[in-house]
Amino acid sequence: MIELYTDGASSGNPGPGGYGAILRSGSHYKELSEGYRKTTNNRMELMAVIKGLEALKNPNQSVMIYSDSKYVIDSIEKKWVNGWLAKGFKDKKNKDLWLRYLDVSKQHTIKFTWVRGHNGHPENERCDELAVAAAKQKNLLIDTVFEMESAKANLF
Protein backbone atom coordinates (compact mmCIF):
# COMPACT_ATOMS: atom_id res chain seq x y z
CA MET A 1 0.00 0.00 0.00
CA ILE A 2 1.27 3.43 -0.96
CA GLU A 3 0.31 6.37 1.21
CA LEU A 4 -0.13 9.74 -0.48
CA TYR A 5 -0.55 12.81 1.72
CA THR A 6 -1.60 16.01 -0.04
CA ASP A 7 -2.34 19.68 0.51
CA GLY A 8 -2.78 22.81 -1.55
CA ALA A 9 -2.51 26.48 -0.71
CA SER A 10 -3.01 29.85 -2.31
CA SER A 11 -2.43 33.36 -1.08
CA GLY A 12 -5.57 34.98 -2.38
CA ASN A 13 -8.08 32.96 -4.33
CA PRO A 14 -6.90 33.40 -7.04
CA GLY A 15 -3.34 34.27 -6.23
CA PRO A 16 0.06 32.67 -5.96
CA GLY A 17 -0.33 29.07 -4.89
CA GLY A 18 1.34 25.75 -4.49
CA TYR A 19 0.86 22.13 -3.61
CA GLY A 20 2.69 19.72 -1.38
CA ALA A 21 2.57 15.93 -1.48
CA ILE A 22 4.29 13.12 0.37
CA LEU A 23 4.56 9.60 -1.01
CA ARG A 24 5.41 6.84 1.43
CA SER A 25 5.69 3.09 1.03
CA GLY A 26 7.73 1.05 3.47
CA SER A 27 11.14 2.71 3.72
CA HIS A 28 10.53 4.81 0.59
CA TYR A 29 9.67 8.47 1.15
CA LYS A 30 9.38 11.30 -1.37
CA GLU A 31 8.22 14.91 -1.09
CA LEU A 32 6.81 16.84 -4.06
CA SER A 33 5.91 20.50 -4.41
CA GLU A 34 5.58 23.24 -7.02
CA GLY A 35 4.33 26.81 -6.98
CA TYR A 36 2.20 28.71 -9.50
CA ARG A 37 1.93 32.46 -9.97
CA LYS A 38 -1.89 32.58 -10.23
CA THR A 39 -4.19 29.75 -9.22
CA THR A 40 -6.78 28.74 -6.61
CA ASN A 41 -6.71 26.67 -3.47
CA ASN A 42 -9.01 24.02 -4.98
CA ARG A 43 -6.80 23.69 -8.05
CA MET A 44 -3.76 23.17 -5.83
CA GLU A 45 -5.58 20.62 -3.64
CA LEU A 46 -6.43 18.63 -6.76
CA MET A 47 -3.00 19.17 -8.32
CA ALA A 48 -1.34 17.65 -5.24
CA VAL A 49 -3.35 14.45 -5.72
CA ILE A 50 -2.64 14.35 -9.46
CA LYS A 51 1.10 14.98 -9.13
CA GLY A 52 1.39 12.36 -6.39
CA LEU A 53 -0.34 9.74 -8.54
CA GLU A 54 1.65 10.73 -11.62
CA ALA A 55 4.89 10.23 -9.66
CA LEU A 56 4.16 6.53 -9.15
CA LYS A 57 6.48 4.48 -11.32
CA ASN A 58 4.35 1.35 -11.65
CA PRO A 59 0.66 0.90 -12.53
CA ASN A 60 -1.85 -1.13 -10.52
CA GLN A 61 -0.81 0.24 -7.14
CA SER A 62 -3.06 0.37 -4.07
CA VAL A 63 -3.00 3.99 -2.93
CA MET A 64 -4.47 5.53 0.21
CA ILE A 65 -4.77 9.28 -0.27
CA TYR A 66 -4.97 11.52 2.79
CA SER A 67 -6.37 14.98 2.11
CA ASP A 68 -7.99 17.81 4.03
CA SER A 69 -9.92 18.88 0.93
CA LYS A 70 -13.65 18.15 1.07
CA TYR A 71 -13.81 19.54 -2.48
CA VAL A 72 -11.52 16.80 -3.81
CA ILE A 73 -12.74 13.93 -1.66
CA ASP A 74 -16.46 14.59 -1.97
CA SER A 75 -16.20 15.18 -5.72
CA ILE A 76 -14.68 11.73 -6.12
CA GLU A 77 -16.25 9.68 -3.33
CA LYS A 78 -19.77 11.01 -3.98
CA LYS A 79 -19.17 10.57 -7.73
CA TRP A 80 -19.98 14.19 -8.55
CA VAL A 81 -17.10 14.20 -11.02
CA ASN A 82 -18.79 11.40 -12.99
CA GLY A 83 -21.90 13.56 -13.42
CA TRP A 84 -19.76 16.53 -14.42
CA LEU A 85 -17.99 14.38 -16.99
CA ALA A 86 -21.30 13.14 -18.42
CA LYS A 87 -22.40 16.78 -18.84
CA GLY A 88 -19.07 17.88 -20.35
CA PHE A 89 -18.21 19.82 -17.18
CA LYS A 90 -20.80 22.44 -18.17
CA ASP A 91 -20.45 25.37 -15.75
CA LYS A 92 -17.87 23.49 -13.64
CA LYS A 93 -14.41 24.70 -12.78
CA ASN A 94 -11.13 22.82 -13.14
CA LYS A 95 -12.19 20.60 -16.05
CA ASP A 96 -8.57 20.25 -17.17
CA LEU A 97 -7.44 18.93 -13.79
CA TRP A 98 -10.46 16.66 -13.30
CA LEU A 99 -9.82 15.05 -16.70
CA ARG A 100 -6.17 14.61 -15.76
CA TYR A 101 -7.16 13.05 -12.41
CA LEU A 102 -9.64 10.67 -14.08
CA ASP A 103 -6.96 9.55 -16.51
CA VAL A 104 -4.25 8.85 -13.92
CA SER A 105 -6.69 7.33 -11.41
CA LYS A 106 -7.59 4.53 -13.85
CA GLN A 107 -4.11 3.10 -13.36
CA HIS A 108 -4.48 2.44 -9.63
CA THR A 109 -6.82 1.31 -6.88
CA ILE A 110 -7.45 4.43 -4.83
CA LYS A 111 -9.08 5.11 -1.49
CA PHE A 112 -9.41 8.45 0.27
CA THR A 113 -9.21 9.42 3.91
CA TRP A 114 -10.17 12.90 5.04
CA VAL A 115 -7.93 14.51 7.66
CA ARG A 116 -8.73 17.73 9.47
CA GLY A 117 -6.39 20.43 8.21
CA HIS A 118 -4.19 22.44 10.59
CA ASN A 119 -4.94 19.98 13.36
CA GLY A 120 -1.50 18.61 14.14
CA HIS A 121 -1.51 15.70 11.67
CA PRO A 122 2.27 15.48 10.95
CA GLU A 123 2.11 14.64 7.24
CA ASN A 124 -0.72 17.09 6.57
CA GLU A 125 1.23 19.82 8.35
CA ARG A 126 4.33 18.98 6.30
CA CYS A 127 2.34 19.08 3.05
CA ASP A 128 0.99 22.48 4.06
CA GLU A 129 4.55 23.70 4.70
CA LEU A 130 5.62 22.42 1.27
CA ALA A 131 2.64 24.05 -0.46
CA VAL A 132 3.08 27.44 1.23
CA ALA A 133 6.84 27.46 0.61
CA ALA A 134 6.31 26.53 -3.05
CA ALA A 135 3.86 29.42 -3.48
CA LYS A 136 6.47 31.86 -2.11
CA GLN A 137 9.28 30.84 -4.47
CA LYS A 138 10.61 33.06 -7.20
CA ASN A 139 10.03 31.98 -10.81
CA LEU A 140 6.62 30.44 -10.17
CA LEU A 141 5.15 28.19 -12.83
CA ILE A 142 2.24 29.36 -14.97
CA ASP A 143 -1.09 27.58 -14.47
CA THR A 144 -1.76 28.11 -18.17
CA VAL A 145 -5.32 26.78 -18.38
CA PHE A 146 -6.44 28.73 -15.32
CA GLU A 147 -4.87 31.97 -16.53
CA MET A 148 -6.36 31.57 -20.02
CA GLU A 149 -9.82 30.86 -18.60
CA SER A 150 -9.53 33.80 -16.21
CA ALA A 151 -8.55 36.11 -19.05
CA LYS A 152 -11.50 34.90 -21.15
CA ALA A 153 -13.92 35.40 -18.25
CA ASN A 154 -12.68 38.97 -17.78
CA LEU A 155 -13.44 39.80 -21.41
CA PHE A 156 -17.19 39.50 -20.88
C-alpha atoms as a PDB file:
ATOM      1  CA  MET A   1       0.000   0.000   0.000  1.00  0.00           C
ATOM      2  CA  ILE A   2       1.267   3.427  -0.964  1.00  0.00           C
ATOM      3  CA  GLU A   3       0.311   6.366   1.214  1.00  0.00           C
ATOM      4  CA  LEU A   4      -0.128   9.736  -0.483  1.00  0.00           C
ATOM      5  CA  TYR A   5      -0.555  12.811   1.715  1.00  0.00           C
ATOM      6  CA  THR A   6      -1.602  16.012  -0.043  1.00  0.00           C
ATOM      7  CA  ASP A   7      -2.340  19.679   0.511  1.00  0.00           C
ATOM      8  CA  GLY A   8      -2.781  22.805  -1.551  1.00  0.00           C
ATOM      9  CA  ALA A   9      -2.506  26.478  -0.713  1.00  0.00           C
ATOM     10  CA  SER A  10      -3.010  29.853  -2.309  1.00  0.00           C
ATOM     11  CA  SER A  11      -2.433  33.356  -1.085  1.00  0.00           C
ATOM     12  CA  GLY A  12      -5.572  34.976  -2.379  1.00  0.00           C
ATOM     13  CA  ASN A  13      -8.083  32.961  -4.328  1.00  0.00           C
ATOM     14  CA  PRO A  14      -6.899  33.398  -7.035  1.00  0.00           C
ATOM     15  CA  GLY A  15      -3.345  34.272  -6.231  1.00  0.00           C
ATOM     16  CA  PRO A  16       0.064  32.671  -5.956  1.00  0.00           C
ATOM     17  CA  GLY A  17      -0.334  29.070  -4.886  1.00  0.00           C
ATOM     18  CA  GLY A  18       1.343  25.746  -4.488  1.00  0.00           C
ATOM     19  CA  TYR A  19       0.858  22.134  -3.612  1.00  0.00           C
ATOM     20  CA  GLY A  20       2.686  19.722  -1.379  1.00  0.00           C
ATOM     21  CA  ALA A  21       2.570  15.934  -1.478  1.00  0.00           C
ATOM     22  CA  ILE A  22       4.289  13.125   0.368  1.00  0.00           C
ATOM     23  CA  LEU A  23       4.555   9.603  -1.013  1.00  0.00           C
ATOM     24  CA  ARG A  24       5.405   6.841   1.434  1.00  0.00           C
ATOM     25  CA  SER A  25       5.687   3.090   1.027  1.00  0.00           C
ATOM     26  CA  GLY A  26       7.730   1.049   3.472  1.00  0.00           C
ATOM     27  CA  SER A  27      11.142   2.710   3.717  1.00  0.00           C
ATOM     28  CA  HIS A  28      10.527   4.806   0.589  1.00  0.00           C
ATOM     29  CA  TYR A  29       9.671   8.473   1.151  1.00  0.00           C
ATOM     30  CA  LYS A  30       9.379  11.304  -1.374  1.00  0.00           C
ATOM     31  CA  GLU A  31       8.224  14.907  -1.088  1.00  0.00           C
ATOM     32  CA  LEU A  32       6.815  16.836  -4.062  1.00  0.00           C
ATOM     33  CA  SER A  33       5.909  20.501  -4.413  1.00  0.00           C
ATOM     34  CA  GLU A  34       5.578  23.239  -7.017  1.00  0.00           C
ATOM     35  CA  GLY A  35       4.333  26.809  -6.980  1.00  0.00           C
ATOM     36  CA  TYR A  36       2.200  28.708  -9.497  1.00  0.00           C
ATOM     37  CA  ARG A  37       1.928  32.458  -9.971  1.00  0.00           C
ATOM     38  CA  LYS A  38      -1.888  32.580 -10.233  1.00  0.00           C
ATOM     39  CA  THR A  39      -4.193  29.751  -9.216  1.00  0.00           C
ATOM     40  CA  THR A  40      -6.775  28.745  -6.606  1.00  0.00           C
ATOM     41  CA  ASN A  41      -6.713  26.666  -3.466  1.00  0.00           C
ATOM     42  CA  ASN A  42      -9.015  24.025  -4.979  1.00  0.00           C
ATOM     43  CA  ARG A  43      -6.796  23.689  -8.047  1.00  0.00           C
ATOM     44  CA  MET A  44      -3.760  23.165  -5.832  1.00  0.00           C
ATOM     45  CA  GLU A  45      -5.579  20.621  -3.641  1.00  0.00           C
ATOM     46  CA  LEU A  46      -6.434  18.628  -6.764  1.00  0.00           C
ATOM     47  CA  MET A  47      -2.996  19.166  -8.318  1.00  0.00           C
ATOM     48  CA  ALA A  48      -1.340  17.646  -5.235  1.00  0.00           C
ATOM     49  CA  VAL A  49      -3.353  14.446  -5.721  1.00  0.00           C
ATOM     50  CA  ILE A  50      -2.636  14.346  -9.461  1.00  0.00           C
ATOM     51  CA  LYS A  51       1.095  14.976  -9.134  1.00  0.00           C
ATOM     52  CA  GLY A  52       1.392  12.361  -6.392  1.00  0.00           C
ATOM     53  CA  LEU A  53      -0.340   9.743  -8.540  1.00  0.00           C
ATOM     54  CA  GLU A  54       1.653  10.729 -11.625  1.00  0.00           C
ATOM     55  CA  ALA A  55       4.885  10.232  -9.662  1.00  0.00           C
ATOM     56  CA  LEU A  56       4.156   6.526  -9.154  1.00  0.00           C
ATOM     57  CA  LYS A  57       6.484   4.477 -11.325  1.00  0.00           C
ATOM     58  CA  ASN A  58       4.351   1.347 -11.654  1.00  0.00           C
ATOM     59  CA  PRO A  59       0.659   0.900 -12.530  1.00  0.00           C
ATOM     60  CA  ASN A  60      -1.849  -1.128 -10.515  1.00  0.00           C
ATOM     61  CA  GLN A  61      -0.813   0.237  -7.140  1.00  0.00           C
ATOM     62  CA  SER A  62      -3.059   0.371  -4.073  1.00  0.00           C
ATOM     63  CA  VAL A  63      -3.001   3.986  -2.934  1.00  0.00           C
ATOM     64  CA  MET A  64      -4.466   5.528   0.205  1.00  0.00           C
ATOM     65  CA  ILE A  65      -4.767   9.280  -0.267  1.00  0.00           C
ATOM     66  CA  TYR A  66      -4.969  11.516   2.792  1.00  0.00           C
ATOM     67  CA  SER A  67      -6.369  14.977   2.107  1.00  0.00           C
ATOM     68  CA  ASP A  68      -7.988  17.806   4.034  1.00  0.00           C
ATOM     69  CA  SER A  69      -9.919  18.884   0.933  1.00  0.00           C
ATOM     70  CA  LYS A  70     -13.649  18.146   1.071  1.00  0.00           C
ATOM     71  CA  TYR A  71     -13.807  19.535  -2.480  1.00  0.00           C
ATOM     72  CA  VAL A  72     -11.524  16.804  -3.809  1.00  0.00           C
ATOM     73  CA  ILE A  73     -12.736  13.926  -1.656  1.00  0.00           C
ATOM     74  CA  ASP A  74     -16.463  14.594  -1.970  1.00  0.00           C
ATOM     75  CA  SER A  75     -16.201  15.180  -5.721  1.00  0.00           C
ATOM     76  CA  ILE A  76     -14.676  11.731  -6.122  1.00  0.00           C
ATOM     77  CA  GLU A  77     -16.248   9.675  -3.328  1.00  0.00           C
ATOM     78  CA  LYS A  78     -19.769  11.015  -3.980  1.00  0.00           C
ATOM     79  CA  LYS A  79     -19.169  10.568  -7.730  1.00  0.00           C
ATOM     80  CA  TRP A  80     -19.981  14.189  -8.546  1.00  0.00           C
ATOM     81  CA  VAL A  81     -17.105  14.200 -11.024  1.00  0.00           C
ATOM     82  CA  ASN A  82     -18.794  11.399 -12.992  1.00  0.00           C
ATOM     83  CA  GLY A  83     -21.895  13.557 -13.416  1.00  0.00           C
ATOM     84  CA  TRP A  84     -19.764  16.527 -14.421  1.00  0.00           C
ATOM     85  CA  LEU A  85     -17.985  14.378 -16.991  1.00  0.00           C
ATOM     86  CA  ALA A  86     -21.298  13.140 -18.424  1.00  0.00           C
ATOM     87  CA  LYS A  87     -22.398  16.780 -18.838  1.00  0.00           C
ATOM     88  CA  GLY A  88     -19.070  17.875 -20.353  1.00  0.00           C
ATOM     89  CA  PHE A  89     -18.211  19.818 -17.184  1.00  0.00           C
ATOM     90  CA  LYS A  90     -20.796  22.443 -18.170  1.00  0.00           C
ATOM     91  CA  ASP A  91     -20.446  25.374 -15.753  1.00  0.00           C
ATOM     92  CA  LYS A  92     -17.873  23.487 -13.637  1.00  0.00           C
ATOM     93  CA  LYS A  93     -14.410  24.697 -12.777  1.00  0.00           C
ATOM     94  CA  ASN A  94     -11.130  22.816 -13.138  1.00  0.00           C
ATOM     95  CA  LYS A  95     -12.188  20.602 -16.047  1.00  0.00           C
ATOM     96  CA  ASP A  96      -8.565  20.249 -17.166  1.00  0.00           C
ATOM     97  CA  LEU A  97      -7.445  18.929 -13.787  1.00  0.00           C
ATOM     98  CA  TRP A  98     -10.456  16.662 -13.299  1.00  0.00           C
ATOM     99  CA  LEU A  99      -9.818  15.047 -16.696  1.00  0.00           C
ATOM    100  CA  ARG A 100      -6.174  14.607 -15.761  1.00  0.00           C
ATOM    101  CA  TYR A 101      -7.159  13.047 -12.414  1.00  0.00           C
ATOM    102  CA  LEU A 102      -9.639  10.674 -14.079  1.00  0.00           C
ATOM    103  CA  ASP A 103      -6.955   9.555 -16.512  1.00  0.00           C
ATOM    104  CA  VAL A 104      -4.254   8.852 -13.916  1.00  0.00           C
ATOM    105  CA  SER A 105      -6.685   7.334 -11.405  1.00  0.00           C
ATOM    106  CA  LYS A 106      -7.592   4.534 -13.852  1.00  0.00           C
ATOM    107  CA  GLN A 107      -4.112   3.100 -13.363  1.00  0.00           C
ATOM    108  CA  HIS A 108      -4.483   2.436  -9.634  1.00  0.00           C
ATOM    109  CA  THR A 109      -6.823   1.306  -6.881  1.00  0.00           C
ATOM    110  CA  ILE A 110      -7.449   4.430  -4.826  1.00  0.00           C
ATOM    111  CA  LYS A 111      -9.083   5.108  -1.492  1.00  0.00           C
ATOM    112  CA  PHE A 112      -9.408   8.450   0.269  1.00  0.00           C
ATOM    113  CA  THR A 113      -9.212   9.425   3.911  1.00  0.00           C
ATOM    114  CA  TRP A 114     -10.166  12.898   5.043  1.00  0.00           C
ATOM    115  CA  VAL A 115      -7.934  14.507   7.660  1.00  0.00           C
ATOM    116  CA  ARG A 116      -8.729  17.727   9.467  1.00  0.00           C
ATOM    117  CA  GLY A 117      -6.389  20.433   8.207  1.00  0.00           C
ATOM    118  CA  HIS A 118      -4.194  22.435  10.587  1.00  0.00           C
ATOM    119  CA  ASN A 119      -4.942  19.982  13.359  1.00  0.00           C
ATOM    120  CA  GLY A 120      -1.499  18.612  14.137  1.00  0.00           C
ATOM    121  CA  HIS A 121      -1.507  15.698  11.666  1.00  0.00           C
ATOM    122  CA  PRO A 122       2.268  15.483  10.952  1.00  0.00           C
ATOM    123  CA  GLU A 123       2.111  14.637   7.238  1.00  0.00           C
ATOM    124  CA  ASN A 124      -0.717  17.089   6.569  1.00  0.00           C
ATOM    125  CA  GLU A 125       1.228  19.815   8.349  1.00  0.00           C
ATOM    126  CA  ARG A 126       4.331  18.982   6.303  1.00  0.00           C
ATOM    127  CA  CYS A 127       2.343  19.075   3.046  1.00  0.00           C
ATOM    128  CA  ASP A 128       0.988  22.478   4.058  1.00  0.00           C
ATOM    129  CA  GLU A 129       4.546  23.703   4.696  1.00  0.00           C
ATOM    130  CA  LEU A 130       5.619  22.423   1.270  1.00  0.00           C
ATOM    131  CA  ALA A 131       2.635  24.052  -0.457  1.00  0.00           C
ATOM    132  CA  VAL A 132       3.076  27.435   1.232  1.00  0.00           C
ATOM    133  CA  ALA A 133       6.839  27.459   0.613  1.00  0.00           C
ATOM    134  CA  ALA A 134       6.311  26.530  -3.050  1.00  0.00           C
ATOM    135  CA  ALA A 135       3.862  29.417  -3.484  1.00  0.00           C
ATOM    136  CA  LYS A 136       6.466  31.855  -2.111  1.00  0.00           C
ATOM    137  CA  GLN A 137       9.279  30.838  -4.474  1.00  0.00           C
ATOM    138  CA  LYS A 138      10.612  33.063  -7.204  1.00  0.00           C
ATOM    139  CA  ASN A 139      10.029  31.984 -10.806  1.00  0.00           C
ATOM    140  CA  LEU A 140       6.618  30.443 -10.166  1.00  0.00           C
ATOM    141  CA  LEU A 141       5.149  28.193 -12.830  1.00  0.00           C
ATOM    142  CA  ILE A 142       2.242  29.364 -14.973  1.00  0.00           C
ATOM    143  CA  ASP A 143      -1.089  27.578 -14.469  1.00  0.00           C
ATOM    144  CA  THR A 144      -1.764  28.107 -18.173  1.00  0.00           C
ATOM    145  CA  VAL A 145      -5.324  26.779 -18.380  1.00  0.00           C
ATOM    146  CA  PHE A 146      -6.445  28.733 -15.324  1.00  0.00           C
ATOM    147  CA  GLU A 147      -4.870  31.968 -16.528  1.00  0.00           C
ATOM    148  CA  MET A 148      -6.362  31.572 -20.021  1.00  0.00           C
ATOM    149  CA  GLU A 149      -9.824  30.858 -18.601  1.00  0.00           C
ATOM    150  CA  SER A 150      -9.532  33.803 -16.205  1.00  0.00           C
ATOM    151  CA  ALA A 151      -8.549  36.107 -19.051  1.00  0.00           C
ATOM    152  CA  LYS A 152     -11.498  34.899 -21.146  1.00  0.00           C
ATOM    153  CA  ALA A 153     -13.921  35.401 -18.246  1.00  0.00           C
ATOM    154  CA  ASN A 154     -12.685  38.966 -17.777  1.00  0.00           C
ATOM    155  CA  LEU A 155     -13.438  39.796 -21.412  1.00  0.00           C
ATOM    156  CA  PHE A 156     -17.191  39.498 -20.883  1.00  0.00           C
END
